Every structure is written in structure tokens, then in C-alpha cells.
Amino acid sequence: MDRQTVELYALVFQAGFTLLQALVFCGLWVRQHRPFFATWSLAWAVYALRLAFIAIYIATRAEVWLFAHEAATWMSSWLLLLAALQFSRGLRWRWNYAWLGALSIAWAAVAVFGIRSMAVAGSTSVVMLAAVTLWTGWVFWRHQRQSRSGGALLLAVTFTLWGLHRLDYPLLRPLGSGVLFGVFIDVLFIAMVGLGTLFLVLSEGRRALEARTGQLEQLTHLLLTSQEDERRRIARELHDEAGQILTAVKIELDLEGRREASDLVGHALSQVRNLSNLLRPTVLDDLGLLPALRALTDDFSKRARVEATLESPETVPALPAEAQVAIYRVVQEALTNVARHAGARRVSVRLGLEPRCVRLRVEDDGAGPAGEITPHLGLLGMRERVTALGGTLTLERAPGAGLRLEAVIPLGAAA
């Protein structure tokens, strides 16, 4: 097999490898419909055609294939640069950019059919390809300085080295020599560009996901704050308005000696007060966290007929209002779940203070779930309250039987 045949096979291999790269980016465009994927796919497809055209020209020496190669060289260069600008700056395609393609085709025709100089045609096209490749590298250098992305750094280095490598084809050696070496280097650069692009897209997706997660956390915090404010308002209205009206009615009925009606109103008044306490316990606002937790566990023991104990320090330093509300709501929801699902006889609530966090544990001796612990609305609400404060919430089977819920809420600089 002579040298020319080997070089032709090498060019065909490079064209196939490049076409595979185009298909990968086409698949990404189909999945995500992001315009720079389509431009990258088109750029690599045209680049593959460029390689096929030069292979045919070497085999036939027909000038029409040299013209096609020169035109494809310019077109692929502009498309690669456009894809980089679309990704880094959000550049949108405009039809007036088409004059660049028309100019590229016109110059290729002049160089090949007008000047009829292989040196002029090859030199101008490769210098253009090198310049645009270096420009693309500069675009990614700028993007890397803004985003600190490893993928952008890899692309910037790759395009810069590739742009410098372009210059050695027509300027440093005659046509046909060193084709195998050039193909090997180009395949390596093409693979690095594909790898860098995937890294870049993945890092951009991760940053977008992190930003979205941050926005959702802020939204959750605002929703929980609004929920507590609304609960406080409704509880105050029930206590101050409905409670006072029912109290006045009960007094009037007592004075008139209508005992049965007075008892019914008293029962309604008791339900209004209980509802008000469930919405927003006044003891939490008036006396603080520990008295509110004691009242909560005592009331739970009476209503659910489950022995509930509270273990805590004698005093608790002033905690942020949001932390107090979160701890209270977690205990409230945990006790509610025990009453509904556990079939427990005893439940213990432990509140501990550590140097940088508050640790809350609720543990029962009930039957526990038969299978895997599945999250429900109440558990999700507890987790949202705790994570909104930078904490963690875990739910696991307690030793022997029952469930153990543990919440850790950081304080101060740890939050």
C-alpha cells in the first residue's frame, strides 16, 4: 500500500470521527433544543465534508474538490466561532451573518479558479482557519475567567493550541507530507474539544441546577414565613374575635340559667381555643420554646392517651424565632404522626443544646412501618422547615420497634 493510499485512509478516518462528533451534538440538540448544539453539530458536519473534499482532491487532483475544500474550511471556521459565541454570550443567529458564508465561497472560487495558485488558496484558507480557531479559544478564555469552569479552560487551551497547529500545514511543509501526523493531532484536538464541551455543558447544567435549588429554598422560606404569619393572624382573630363573642354569649346564657345551651357554647369555645393553639400557640410567643413544648406534650398525653415525656435543659438561651417555630412544628407534626399511625404507648421528646446546633429527637415504641419508610406530606413539611435553616432531618427505625426522628438545626455562624 503506497503512502498516498495510507494518507487517504487516514483522512477518511478523521472525517468519520468528526462526523460522529457531529451526530453526538445533534443528539444533544434534539434532547435539549439549545441553539449552540445545533450550530456545533453543523460545524462538525461541514468540517467532516472538508476532510472528505481534500481526500478526493488528493486522489483526483480535480480543482472543483479543492474549491469545495476551501469553501468548507471557511464555513466550518465561522460555524465553530458562532457556536462558541452562542454558548458564552447567548448570541442569536441573524440572517445578515450569511454574508460571511457567501464571502467565504466567493474567495474560495477566486483563489482556486481565478488566481489558480495552490499556495495562495491553501495559505489563505489555513490562516483563516487558524485565526478563527484562535478567536474561538479567546472566547472560551473570557468565558473561563467569568465562570471558572474546567470545561471552558480545556476548550480554551485546546482551541489555542489547535489554532497554532493549523499554521504548519501550508507554511511549514509542502502539500502531502506529514498528513498522518496532522491527522493524528487533529483527531486528538477534536476529541478534546468534544470532551471539553461536554464538561462545560455539564458544569453549566450543574450551576443552573444549583441556582434553581437556591431559588426553591428561598421560595420555601418565604412560603413558610407567610404560612406562620397567616397562622398567627388567624389564631389572633379566633382568640380575640370569635373567642370573645362566644365568651359573652356563654355569660349571657349562664345569667339566664340556660345551662344546656351554655355548655354547648362552652364546648364550641373550647374548640376555638384548641384550634387557635394549633394554628399558633400563644405560649410560644409569650413564654418561649420550653413552656410551649411542655404544654404540647402534656396536651398530647391527655388527648391521645399516650405517655409523652420531654427531656430538655432547665433553661434554653434565646434562639432565633425561626428556629423556635421550626422545632415546635417538627415536634407537633411528629406527635401527630405517632397518634395517627404508630399505635405507641410511649413517646419521648429530647431537646439538646450543642455548641453550634440544637439537636431534637422524637422516638416512640410503636409498631413502625411494615416496609420501607416512605415520605409523606407531613414529613416533607418538617424537612423543608429544617433544611430552610441549614439543618438536617432523618427518620429511621428505633432499636426494637417504633421510629426515631432526629433534627439538627445549626445556630449562629453555622446556620
Protein backbone atom coordinates (compact mmCIF):
# COMPACT_ATOMS: atom_id res chain seq x y z
CA MET A 1 0.00 0.00 0.00
CA ASP A 2 1.57 3.29 -1.10
CA ARG A 3 1.87 6.42 1.00
CA GLN A 4 -0.97 8.27 -0.74
CA THR A 5 -3.42 5.44 -0.05
CA VAL A 6 -2.46 5.38 3.64
CA GLU A 7 -2.95 9.14 3.87
CA LEU A 8 -6.35 8.90 2.18
CA TYR A 9 -7.46 6.25 4.67
CA ALA A 10 -6.25 8.50 7.48
CA LEU A 11 -8.29 11.42 6.16
CA VAL A 12 -11.38 9.22 5.78
CA PHE A 13 -10.93 8.02 9.37
CA GLN A 14 -10.66 11.61 10.61
CA ALA A 15 -13.77 12.56 8.62
CA GLY A 16 -15.71 9.67 10.13
CA PHE A 17 -14.57 10.55 13.64
CA THR A 18 -15.59 14.17 13.09
CA LEU A 19 -18.96 13.12 11.69
CA LEU A 20 -19.51 11.04 14.83
CA GLN A 21 -18.86 14.19 16.86
CA ALA A 22 -21.48 15.99 14.76
CA LEU A 23 -24.01 13.24 15.48
CA VAL A 24 -23.36 13.49 19.24
CA PHE A 25 -24.07 17.23 19.23
CA CYS A 26 -27.11 16.66 17.03
CA GLY A 27 -28.43 14.26 19.65
CA LEU A 28 -27.84 16.86 22.37
CA TRP A 29 -29.74 19.42 20.32
CA VAL A 30 -32.67 17.03 19.82
CA ARG A 31 -32.83 16.42 23.59
CA GLN A 32 -32.34 19.98 24.82
CA HIS A 33 -33.18 22.21 21.82
CA ARG A 34 -30.37 24.63 22.64
CA PRO A 35 -29.20 26.51 19.51
CA PHE A 36 -25.46 26.22 20.11
CA PHE A 37 -25.75 22.40 19.97
CA ALA A 38 -27.27 22.65 16.50
CA THR A 39 -24.52 25.04 15.38
CA TRP A 40 -21.78 22.80 16.79
CA SER A 41 -23.34 19.81 15.04
CA LEU A 42 -23.46 21.68 11.73
CA ALA A 43 -19.90 22.94 12.17
CA TRP A 44 -18.50 19.44 12.69
CA ALA A 45 -20.57 18.07 9.80
CA VAL A 46 -19.12 20.73 7.47
CA TYR A 47 -15.64 20.03 8.88
CA ALA A 48 -16.11 16.34 8.03
CA LEU A 49 -17.09 17.33 4.48
CA ARG A 50 -13.93 19.48 4.32
CA LEU A 51 -11.81 16.43 5.07
CA ALA A 52 -13.69 14.32 2.53
CA PHE A 53 -13.21 17.01 -0.15
CA ILE A 54 -9.45 17.25 0.38
CA ALA A 55 -9.17 13.44 0.28
CA ILE A 56 -11.00 13.38 -3.07
CA TYR A 57 -8.78 16.20 -4.36
CA ILE A 58 -5.60 14.32 -3.43
CA ALA A 59 -6.91 11.27 -5.25
CA THR A 60 -8.21 13.06 -8.40
CA ARG A 61 -6.44 16.45 -8.49
CA ALA A 62 -9.69 17.96 -9.77
CA GLU A 63 -9.83 21.67 -8.86
CA VAL A 64 -13.55 21.58 -8.09
CA TRP A 65 -12.81 19.45 -4.99
CA LEU A 66 -10.10 21.87 -3.92
CA PHE A 67 -12.65 24.67 -4.23
CA ALA A 68 -15.16 22.67 -2.15
CA HIS A 69 -12.44 22.04 0.45
CA GLU A 70 -11.54 25.72 0.69
CA ALA A 71 -15.19 26.80 0.99
CA ALA A 72 -15.90 24.16 3.65
CA THR A 73 -12.79 25.27 5.58
CA TRP A 74 -14.05 28.82 5.84
CA MET A 75 -17.63 27.75 6.61
CA SER A 76 -16.64 25.36 9.40
CA SER A 77 -14.43 28.05 10.93
CA TRP A 78 -17.26 30.58 11.13
CA LEU A 79 -19.67 27.97 12.49
CA LEU A 80 -17.30 26.93 15.28
CA LEU A 81 -16.87 30.56 16.30
CA LEU A 82 -20.64 31.17 16.14
CA ALA A 83 -21.29 28.15 18.39
CA ALA A 84 -18.80 29.45 20.94
CA LEU A 85 -20.41 32.90 20.94
CA GLN A 86 -23.89 31.38 21.20
CA PHE A 87 -22.86 29.40 24.25
CA SER A 88 -20.81 32.03 26.10
CA ARG A 89 -22.75 35.20 25.21
CA GLY A 90 -26.17 33.96 24.14
CA LEU A 91 -25.64 35.28 20.59
CA ARG A 92 -28.62 34.71 18.33
CA TRP A 93 -28.47 33.78 14.67
CA ARG A 94 -29.24 36.55 12.24
CA TRP A 95 -29.56 36.16 8.52
CA ASN A 96 -27.15 39.01 7.86
CA TYR A 97 -24.41 36.68 9.13
CA ALA A 98 -24.90 34.71 5.92
CA TRP A 99 -22.72 37.21 4.06
CA LEU A 100 -19.71 35.64 5.81
CA GLY A 101 -20.54 32.31 4.16
CA ALA A 102 -21.10 33.97 0.79
CA LEU A 103 -17.79 35.82 1.12
CA SER A 104 -16.02 32.57 2.03
CA ILE A 105 -17.38 30.79 -1.05
CA ALA A 106 -16.52 33.75 -3.27
CA TRP A 107 -12.94 33.92 -2.03
CA ALA A 108 -12.50 30.17 -2.44
CA ALA A 109 -13.65 30.49 -6.07
CA VAL A 110 -11.28 33.41 -6.70
CA ALA A 111 -8.30 31.65 -5.09
CA VAL A 112 -8.81 28.33 -6.89
CA PHE A 113 -10.24 29.32 -10.29
CA GLY A 114 -9.02 32.93 -10.54
CA ILE A 115 -5.55 33.12 -9.03
CA ARG A 116 -5.04 29.38 -9.67
CA SER A 117 -2.38 29.16 -7.03
CA MET A 118 -2.37 26.25 -4.59
CA ALA A 119 -0.07 28.20 -2.28
CA VAL A 120 -2.42 31.19 -2.18
CA ALA A 121 -5.56 29.08 -1.77
CA GLY A 122 -4.08 26.81 0.88
CA SER A 123 -2.32 29.58 2.78
CA THR A 124 -5.29 31.92 2.97
CA SER A 125 -7.73 29.20 3.98
CA VAL A 126 -5.49 27.76 6.67
CA VAL A 127 -4.52 31.18 8.02
CA MET A 128 -8.22 32.00 8.18
CA LEU A 129 -8.95 28.68 9.90
CA ALA A 130 -6.12 29.30 12.37
CA ALA A 131 -7.28 32.85 13.08
CA VAL A 132 -10.88 31.83 13.72
CA THR A 133 -9.74 28.88 15.85
CA LEU A 134 -7.60 31.21 17.96
CA TRP A 135 -10.51 33.63 18.19
CA THR A 136 -12.71 30.77 19.42
CA GLY A 137 -10.06 29.95 22.02
CA TRP A 138 -10.07 33.59 23.14
CA VAL A 139 -13.88 33.45 23.52
CA PHE A 140 -13.52 30.46 25.84
CA TRP A 141 -10.68 32.15 27.75
CA ARG A 142 -13.04 35.00 28.52
CA HIS A 143 -15.81 32.60 29.49
CA GLN A 144 -13.42 30.73 31.77
CA ARG A 145 -12.46 33.91 33.60
CA GLN A 146 -16.14 34.62 34.27
CA SER A 147 -17.34 31.11 35.12
CA ARG A 148 -14.19 29.44 36.49
CA SER A 149 -15.25 26.34 34.54
CA GLY A 150 -12.82 23.48 33.97
CA GLY A 151 -14.57 22.66 30.70
CA ALA A 152 -14.09 26.22 29.44
CA LEU A 153 -10.41 26.06 30.39
CA LEU A 154 -9.95 22.80 28.48
CA LEU A 155 -11.67 24.27 25.42
CA ALA A 156 -9.64 27.49 25.61
CA VAL A 157 -6.33 25.60 25.75
CA THR A 158 -7.41 23.13 23.04
CA PHE A 159 -8.57 25.78 20.56
CA THR A 160 -5.47 27.91 21.20
CA LEU A 161 -3.07 25.02 20.55
CA TRP A 162 -5.16 23.84 17.61
CA GLY A 163 -5.11 27.30 16.07
CA LEU A 164 -1.31 27.41 16.28
CA HIS A 165 -1.09 23.89 14.87
CA ARG A 166 -3.14 24.92 11.82
CA LEU A 167 -0.34 27.13 10.57
CA ASP A 168 2.12 24.33 9.91
CA TYR A 169 0.15 22.74 7.07
CA PRO A 170 0.83 25.11 4.15
CA LEU A 171 3.52 27.31 5.67
CA LEU A 172 5.99 24.85 7.18
CA ARG A 173 5.79 21.81 4.86
CA PRO A 174 4.69 21.10 1.29
CA LEU A 175 1.35 19.55 0.42
CA GLY A 176 1.11 15.85 1.23
CA SER A 177 3.95 15.50 3.70
CA GLY A 178 3.16 14.82 7.32
CA VAL A 179 -0.51 14.07 6.66
CA LEU A 180 -0.55 11.14 9.08
CA PHE A 181 0.96 13.27 11.83
CA GLY A 182 -1.53 16.07 11.13
CA VAL A 183 -4.48 13.66 11.16
CA PHE A 184 -3.38 12.20 14.50
CA ILE A 185 -3.04 15.67 16.06
CA ASP A 186 -6.36 16.84 14.60
CA VAL A 187 -8.22 13.76 15.89
CA LEU A 188 -6.72 14.38 19.32
CA PHE A 189 -7.82 18.02 19.26
CA ILE A 190 -11.32 17.10 18.02
CA ALA A 191 -11.68 14.56 20.84
CA MET A 192 -10.50 17.14 23.39
CA VAL A 193 -12.99 19.69 22.05
CA GLY A 194 -15.82 17.17 22.38
CA LEU A 195 -14.74 16.23 25.90
CA GLY A 196 -14.33 19.87 26.94
CA THR A 197 -17.72 20.78 25.51
CA LEU A 198 -19.45 18.00 27.43
CA PHE A 199 -17.68 19.05 30.65
CA LEU A 200 -18.68 22.65 30.01
CA VAL A 201 -22.32 21.79 29.36
CA LEU A 202 -22.46 19.56 32.45
CA SER A 203 -20.93 22.27 34.64
CA GLU A 204 -23.35 24.84 33.25
CA GLY A 205 -26.22 22.46 33.95
CA ARG A 206 -24.96 21.89 37.49
CA ARG A 207 -24.70 25.62 38.13
CA ALA A 208 -28.21 26.13 36.72
CA LEU A 209 -29.49 23.35 38.97
CA GLU A 210 -27.76 24.89 41.99
CA ALA A 211 -29.26 28.28 41.18
CA ARG A 212 -32.68 26.69 40.77
CA THR A 213 -32.27 24.87 44.08
CA GLY A 214 -31.32 28.13 45.77
CA GLN A 215 -34.39 29.83 44.33
CA LEU A 216 -36.61 26.98 45.53
CA GLU A 217 -35.09 27.20 49.00
CA GLN A 218 -35.77 30.93 49.10
CA LEU A 219 -39.32 30.33 47.90
CA THR A 220 -39.82 27.65 50.55
CA HIS A 221 -38.54 30.00 53.22
CA LEU A 222 -40.91 32.74 52.08
CA LEU A 223 -43.84 30.31 51.95
CA LEU A 224 -43.14 29.01 55.45
CA THR A 225 -42.76 32.56 56.78
CA SER A 226 -46.00 33.61 55.11
CA GLN A 227 -47.71 30.49 56.45
CA GLU A 228 -46.66 31.27 60.02
CA ASP A 229 -47.73 34.89 59.66
CA GLU A 230 -51.12 33.80 58.34
CA ARG A 231 -51.50 31.27 61.12
CA ARG A 232 -50.65 33.92 63.70
CA ARG A 233 -53.23 36.29 62.19
CA ILE A 234 -55.99 33.66 62.06
CA ALA A 235 -55.20 32.48 65.60
CA ARG A 236 -55.38 36.06 66.87
CA GLU A 237 -58.72 36.59 65.10
CA LEU A 238 -60.13 33.38 66.59
CA HIS A 239 -58.89 34.25 70.05
CA ASP A 240 -59.77 37.93 70.07
CA GLU A 241 -62.95 37.99 67.98
CA ALA A 242 -64.67 34.60 67.96
CA GLY A 243 -63.40 33.71 71.43
CA GLN A 244 -64.65 36.94 72.99
CA ILE A 245 -68.02 36.69 71.26
CA LEU A 246 -68.52 33.10 72.42
CA THR A 247 -67.45 34.05 75.93
CA ALA A 248 -70.00 36.88 76.02
CA VAL A 249 -72.73 34.55 74.75
CA LYS A 250 -71.86 31.96 77.40
CA ILE A 251 -72.04 34.57 80.14
CA GLU A 252 -75.48 35.69 78.94
CA LEU A 253 -76.72 32.10 78.84
CA ASP A 254 -75.36 31.45 82.32
CA LEU A 255 -77.14 34.51 83.66
CA GLU A 256 -80.39 33.36 82.11
CA GLY A 257 -79.95 29.88 83.57
CA ARG A 258 -79.85 28.13 80.22
CA ARG A 259 -77.30 25.55 81.27
CA GLU A 260 -77.58 23.20 78.28
CA ALA A 261 -77.09 25.98 75.74
CA SER A 262 -74.27 27.39 77.87
CA ASP A 263 -72.49 24.01 77.85
CA LEU A 264 -72.75 23.83 74.04
CA VAL A 265 -71.29 27.30 73.68
CA GLY A 266 -68.57 26.39 76.18
CA HIS A 267 -67.71 23.32 74.09
CA ALA A 268 -67.53 25.48 70.96
CA LEU A 269 -65.36 28.00 72.83
CA SER A 270 -63.01 25.20 73.89
CA GLN A 271 -62.71 24.02 70.26
CA VAL A 272 -61.98 27.55 69.09
CA ARG A 273 -59.22 27.87 71.69
CA ASN A 274 -57.75 24.50 70.73
CA LEU A 275 -57.80 25.46 67.07
CA SER A 276 -56.18 28.78 67.90
CA ASN A 277 -53.42 26.99 69.81
CA LEU A 278 -52.86 24.56 66.96
CA LEU A 279 -52.56 27.38 64.49
CA ARG A 280 -50.21 29.46 66.63
CA PRO A 281 -49.75 28.68 70.33
CA THR A 282 -49.75 31.87 72.33
CA VAL A 283 -47.46 30.29 74.90
CA LEU A 284 -44.71 30.09 72.26
CA ASP A 285 -44.88 33.84 71.71
CA ASP A 286 -45.48 34.75 75.35
CA LEU A 287 -43.32 32.33 77.37
CA GLY A 288 -40.88 30.78 74.91
CA LEU A 289 -39.94 27.41 73.46
CA LEU A 290 -39.65 25.16 76.53
CA PRO A 291 -43.04 26.08 78.07
CA ALA A 292 -44.63 25.65 74.64
CA LEU A 293 -43.10 22.17 74.22
CA ARG A 294 -44.19 21.15 77.73
CA ALA A 295 -47.73 22.32 77.04
CA LEU A 296 -47.69 20.49 73.71
CA THR A 297 -46.53 17.16 75.18
CA ASP A 298 -48.93 17.42 78.14
CA ASP A 299 -51.87 18.16 75.87
CA PHE A 300 -50.85 15.30 73.57
CA SER A 301 -50.75 12.86 76.51
CA LYS A 302 -54.29 13.86 77.53
CA ARG A 303 -55.80 13.79 74.04
CA ALA A 304 -54.02 10.73 72.58
CA ARG A 305 -53.68 8.77 75.85
CA VAL A 306 -50.03 8.13 75.04
CA GLU A 307 -47.37 8.72 77.67
CA ALA A 308 -45.26 11.60 76.37
CA THR A 309 -42.11 12.83 78.10
CA LEU A 310 -39.96 15.86 77.40
CA GLU A 311 -36.25 15.83 78.23
CA SER A 312 -34.51 19.17 77.89
CA PRO A 313 -32.16 21.54 79.70
CA GLU A 314 -33.73 23.56 82.50
CA THR A 315 -33.19 26.71 80.52
CA VAL A 316 -32.59 27.38 76.87
CA PRO A 317 -30.81 30.52 75.67
CA ALA A 318 -32.65 32.81 73.31
CA LEU A 319 -32.96 31.04 69.97
CA PRO A 320 -33.88 32.72 66.70
CA ALA A 321 -37.64 32.95 66.24
CA GLU A 322 -37.49 30.83 63.07
CA ALA A 323 -35.60 28.08 64.89
CA GLN A 324 -38.14 28.06 67.73
CA VAL A 325 -41.05 27.81 65.30
CA ALA A 326 -39.31 25.02 63.33
CA ILE A 327 -38.61 22.97 66.49
CA TYR A 328 -42.16 23.41 67.72
CA ARG A 329 -43.70 22.45 64.36
CA VAL A 330 -41.45 19.40 64.00
CA VAL A 331 -42.45 18.13 67.46
CA GLN A 332 -46.10 18.91 66.74
CA GLU A 333 -46.09 17.00 63.44
CA ALA A 334 -44.09 14.10 64.90
CA LEU A 335 -46.56 13.68 67.79
CA THR A 336 -49.46 13.86 65.36
CA ASN A 337 -47.91 11.05 63.30
CA VAL A 338 -47.42 8.97 66.45
CA ALA A 339 -51.09 9.36 67.34
CA ARG A 340 -52.27 8.51 63.84
CA HIS A 341 -50.00 5.69 62.73
CA ALA A 342 -47.71 4.30 65.39
CA GLY A 343 -50.01 2.59 67.87
CA ALA A 344 -47.44 3.53 70.51
CA ARG A 345 -47.77 3.54 74.28
CA ARG A 346 -44.86 5.88 74.97
CA VAL A 347 -43.09 8.64 73.08
CA SER A 348 -40.09 10.65 74.20
CA VAL A 349 -39.04 14.10 73.06
CA ARG A 350 -35.44 15.08 73.70
CA LEU A 351 -34.08 18.57 73.09
CA GLY A 352 -30.35 19.04 73.44
CA LEU A 353 -28.10 22.07 73.03
CA GLU A 354 -24.65 21.69 71.49
CA PRO A 355 -22.03 24.39 70.89
CA ARG A 356 -23.09 25.02 67.31
CA CYS A 357 -26.50 23.40 66.92
CA VAL A 358 -29.75 22.25 68.51
CA ARG A 359 -30.47 18.51 68.34
CA LEU A 360 -34.07 17.32 68.57
CA ARG A 361 -35.08 13.66 68.83
CA VAL A 362 -38.58 12.18 68.90
CA GLU A 363 -38.76 8.42 69.49
CA ASP A 364 -41.74 6.10 70.04
CA ASP A 365 -42.24 2.42 70.88
CA GLY A 366 -44.92 1.78 68.30
CA ALA A 367 -45.11 -0.88 65.62
CA GLY A 368 -43.37 1.21 63.00
CA PRO A 369 -43.90 0.85 59.24
CA ALA A 370 -44.04 -2.66 57.81
CA GLY A 371 -41.85 -1.87 54.81
CA GLU A 372 -39.67 0.97 53.62
CA ILE A 373 -40.18 4.35 55.25
CA THR A 374 -41.90 6.47 52.60
CA PRO A 375 -42.06 10.26 52.80
CA HIS A 376 -45.46 11.90 53.19
CA LEU A 377 -46.69 15.47 53.22
CA GLY A 378 -46.09 15.97 56.93
CA LEU A 379 -42.53 14.59 56.74
CA LEU A 380 -41.77 16.73 53.69
CA GLY A 381 -43.05 19.80 55.53
CA MET A 382 -40.81 19.05 58.53
CA ARG A 383 -37.80 18.52 56.28
CA GLU A 384 -38.45 21.78 54.43
CA ARG A 385 -38.58 23.71 57.72
CA VAL A 386 -35.33 22.20 58.95
CA THR A 387 -33.40 22.45 55.68
CA ALA A 388 -34.55 26.05 55.23
CA LEU A 389 -32.48 26.78 58.38
CA GLY A 390 -29.47 24.85 57.05
CA GLY A 391 -30.21 21.76 59.15
CA THR A 392 -30.83 18.07 58.52
CA LEU A 393 -33.73 15.77 59.36
CA THR A 394 -33.51 11.96 59.44
CA LEU A 395 -36.13 9.29 60.06
CA GLU A 396 -35.13 5.73 60.95
CA ARG A 397 -36.33 2.70 62.86
CA ALA A 398 -35.68 2.90 66.56
CA PRO A 399 -33.92 -0.01 68.31
CA GLY A 400 -36.51 -2.71 69.00
CA ALA A 401 -39.58 -1.05 67.49
CA GLY A 402 -41.04 2.29 66.55
CA LEU A 403 -39.47 5.21 64.78
CA ARG A 404 -36.83 7.76 65.64
CA LEU A 405 -36.92 11.23 64.14
CA GLU A 406 -33.86 13.44 64.60
CA ALA A 407 -33.48 17.05 63.52
CA VAL A 408 -30.24 19.03 63.76
CA ILE A 409 -30.53 22.81 63.36
CA PRO A 410 -27.31 24.86 63.24
CA LEU A 411 -27.09 28.11 65.17
CA GLY A 412 -25.19 31.34 64.64
CA ALA A 413 -22.43 31.26 62.02
CA ALA A 414 -23.06 27.56 61.39
CA ALA A 415 -26.57 28.21 60.07
